[in-house]
């Protein structure tokens, strides 16, 4: 739903935290949920350092998340609650994977691109059911990952927290 971006971003940033450079994390160095690789690509500068990532300006955080995630999942076109849930997942697991899980949750072919067919199916579906199905799809996906033993508890906690918060956003 239009105008939910800033609230959704605030929630995502709480979940993502600040600096992380865990050697077990395939994403590598990350600040506010933004990996060094993503920041370099977005800025079109392969020479950005970890130190520069650590002090990423808030304006860059806002714009990068809007362009790379919110706009690509059509956040302004999704129902309140669903917009935040899919946005959070896009940040955490990538736009394509989050889009596929949403498509699976609403029963349309999962091609990883939210288009008119997906949006029509969402509008016809019960929003609470979408959130239930989406949380189940995310849980199954996380459990399939080789890094589940290391990060699984946190991922499943996040699924539960996002689902609860998303449901509180329903009209």
Protein backbone atom coordinates (compact mmCIF):
# COMPACT_ATOMS: atom_id res chain seq x y z
CA UNK A 1 0.00 0.00 0.00
CA UNK A 2 1.31 3.43 -0.86
CA UNK A 3 3.09 5.32 1.90
CA UNK A 4 4.18 2.24 3.87
CA UNK A 5 7.78 2.32 2.68
CA UNK A 6 9.21 4.39 5.53
CA UNK A 7 7.50 2.34 8.24
CA UNK A 8 8.52 -0.92 6.54
CA UNK A 9 12.10 0.32 6.20
CA UNK A 10 12.24 1.21 9.90
CA UNK A 11 11.16 -2.33 10.81
CA UNK A 12 13.64 -3.92 8.38
CA UNK A 13 16.49 -1.84 9.77
CA UNK A 14 15.66 -3.01 13.31
CA UNK A 15 15.85 -6.61 12.11
CA UNK A 16 19.02 -6.10 10.10
CA UNK A 17 20.96 -4.35 12.84
CA UNK A 18 24.20 -2.51 12.30
CA UNK A 19 27.66 -3.84 11.39
CA UNK A 20 28.31 -7.53 10.81
CA UNK A 21 31.23 -9.36 9.24
CA UNK A 22 30.63 -12.97 10.27
CA UNK A 23 32.93 -15.33 8.34
CA UNK A 24 30.12 -17.95 8.30
CA UNK A 25 27.74 -15.53 6.57
CA UNK A 26 27.95 -15.91 2.77
CA UNK A 27 26.88 -12.25 2.46
CA UNK A 28 30.11 -11.08 4.05
CA UNK A 29 30.54 -7.58 5.46
CA UNK A 30 27.16 -5.96 6.05
CA UNK A 31 25.97 -2.63 7.45
CA UNK A 32 22.27 -2.05 8.14
CA UNK A 33 21.57 -5.14 6.05
CA UNK A 34 23.47 -3.89 3.03
CA UNK A 35 26.36 -6.07 1.90
CA UNK A 36 29.58 -4.64 0.58
CA UNK A 37 28.91 -6.26 -2.81
CA UNK A 38 25.41 -4.75 -3.07
CA UNK A 39 26.65 -1.31 -2.03
CA UNK A 40 29.50 -1.41 -4.56
CA UNK A 41 27.11 -2.44 -7.32
CA UNK A 42 24.50 0.19 -6.40
CA UNK A 43 27.13 2.95 -6.27
CA UNK A 44 28.78 1.56 -9.42
CA UNK A 45 32.10 1.68 -7.58
CA UNK A 46 34.00 -1.60 -7.10
CA UNK A 47 36.54 0.14 -4.86
CA UNK A 48 34.29 0.94 -1.90
CA UNK A 49 35.90 -0.44 1.24
CA UNK A 50 34.47 -2.06 4.36
CA UNK A 51 35.31 1.13 6.25
CA UNK A 52 33.21 3.15 3.80
CA UNK A 53 30.35 0.68 4.14
CA UNK A 54 30.47 1.06 7.93
CA UNK A 55 29.63 4.78 7.55
CA UNK A 56 27.05 4.45 4.76
CA UNK A 57 24.96 7.64 4.71
CA UNK A 58 21.30 7.30 5.76
CA UNK A 59 20.27 8.78 2.41
CA UNK A 60 22.05 5.95 0.59
CA UNK A 61 20.40 3.37 2.86
CA UNK A 62 16.97 4.87 2.16
CA UNK A 63 17.46 5.11 -1.60
CA UNK A 64 19.19 1.75 -2.05
CA UNK A 65 16.45 -0.11 -0.20
CA UNK A 66 13.76 1.73 -2.15
CA UNK A 67 15.30 1.11 -5.57
CA UNK A 68 16.75 -2.37 -5.05
CA UNK A 69 13.98 -3.94 -2.98
CA UNK A 70 10.74 -1.99 -2.39
CA UNK A 71 10.23 -0.90 -5.98
CA UNK A 72 11.19 -4.32 -7.37
CA UNK A 73 8.61 -6.12 -5.21
CA UNK A 74 5.99 -3.48 -6.10
CA UNK A 75 5.64 -2.54 -2.44
CA UNK A 76 3.26 0.33 -3.21
CA UNK A 77 0.90 -2.12 -4.95
CA UNK A 78 0.79 -4.75 -2.20
CA UNK A 79 -1.73 -4.79 0.66
CA UNK A 80 -0.61 -3.39 4.01
CA UNK A 81 1.23 -6.09 5.93
CA UNK A 82 2.03 -8.10 2.81
CA UNK A 83 4.16 -5.18 1.59
CA UNK A 84 6.31 -5.27 4.72
CA UNK A 85 6.57 -9.08 4.84
CA UNK A 86 7.72 -9.35 1.23
CA UNK A 87 10.05 -6.35 1.55
CA UNK A 88 11.69 -7.83 4.64
CA UNK A 89 12.18 -11.13 2.82
CA UNK A 90 13.54 -9.43 -0.30
CA UNK A 91 16.19 -7.75 1.84
CA UNK A 92 17.03 -10.96 3.68
CA UNK A 93 16.97 -13.50 0.84
CA UNK A 94 16.84 -11.51 -2.39
CA UNK A 95 14.05 -10.07 -4.52
CA UNK A 96 13.74 -13.11 -6.77
CA UNK A 97 13.43 -15.61 -3.92
CA UNK A 98 10.98 -13.40 -1.96
CA UNK A 99 8.89 -12.93 -5.11
CA UNK A 100 8.82 -16.69 -5.77
CA UNK A 101 7.73 -17.40 -2.21
CA UNK A 102 4.95 -14.81 -2.51
CA UNK A 103 3.85 -16.36 -5.79
CA UNK A 104 3.80 -19.81 -4.21
CA UNK A 105 1.81 -18.39 -1.28
CA UNK A 106 -0.91 -17.11 -3.65
CA UNK A 107 -0.82 -20.08 -6.02
CA UNK A 108 0.53 -18.56 -9.22
CA UNK A 109 3.52 -19.74 -11.27
CA UNK A 110 6.68 -18.84 -9.36
CA UNK A 111 8.87 -17.05 -11.88
CA UNK A 112 10.41 -14.62 -9.38
CA UNK A 113 8.95 -11.47 -10.97
CA UNK A 114 5.92 -9.81 -9.43
CA UNK A 115 3.78 -8.76 -12.37
CA UNK A 116 0.14 -8.15 -13.16
CA UNK A 117 -0.84 -11.83 -12.74
CA UNK A 118 0.68 -12.01 -9.28
CA UNK A 119 -0.85 -8.68 -8.26
CA UNK A 120 -4.30 -9.79 -9.47
CA UNK A 121 -4.04 -13.05 -7.50
CA UNK A 122 -3.02 -11.10 -4.39
CA UNK A 123 -6.01 -8.78 -4.71
CA UNK A 124 -8.38 -11.77 -4.95
CA UNK A 125 -6.83 -13.63 -2.00
CA UNK A 126 -7.44 -13.25 1.71
CA UNK A 127 -4.58 -11.13 3.05
CA UNK A 128 -4.29 -13.05 6.32
CA UNK A 129 -4.03 -16.30 4.34
CA UNK A 130 -1.30 -14.78 2.18
CA UNK A 131 0.70 -13.94 5.31
CA UNK A 132 0.16 -17.45 6.75
CA UNK A 133 1.22 -19.14 3.51
CA UNK A 134 4.14 -16.76 2.99
CA UNK A 135 5.51 -17.43 6.49
CA UNK A 136 5.24 -21.19 5.87
CA UNK A 137 7.06 -20.85 2.52
CA UNK A 138 9.84 -18.82 4.14
CA UNK A 139 10.24 -21.33 6.96
CA UNK A 140 10.54 -24.23 4.51
CA UNK A 141 13.07 -22.30 2.42
CA UNK A 142 15.27 -21.43 5.41
CA UNK A 143 15.22 -25.03 6.62
CA UNK A 144 16.52 -26.14 3.22
CA UNK A 145 19.68 -24.01 3.45
CA UNK A 146 23.07 -25.48 4.35
CA UNK A 147 23.64 -22.61 6.81
CA UNK A 148 20.43 -23.37 8.74
CA UNK A 149 22.33 -24.90 11.68
CA UNK A 150 24.27 -21.65 12.11
CA UNK A 151 21.58 -19.05 11.40
CA UNK A 152 18.29 -20.99 11.53
CA UNK A 153 17.15 -19.99 15.00
CA UNK A 154 17.50 -16.30 14.15
CA UNK A 155 15.78 -16.75 10.78
CA UNK A 156 12.81 -18.55 12.30
CA UNK A 157 12.52 -15.91 15.03
CA UNK A 158 12.49 -13.28 12.30
CA UNK A 159 9.79 -15.14 10.35
CA UNK A 160 7.60 -15.17 13.48
CA UNK A 161 8.28 -11.51 14.32
CA UNK A 162 7.60 -10.33 10.77
CA UNK A 163 4.40 -12.37 10.57
CA UNK A 164 3.11 -10.91 13.86
CA UNK A 165 3.97 -7.36 12.83
CA UNK A 166 2.56 -7.85 9.32
CA UNK A 167 -0.72 -9.12 10.75
CA UNK A 168 -0.92 -6.04 12.99
CA UNK A 169 -0.74 -3.88 9.83
CA UNK A 170 -3.84 -5.43 8.26
CA UNK A 171 -6.73 -3.04 7.77
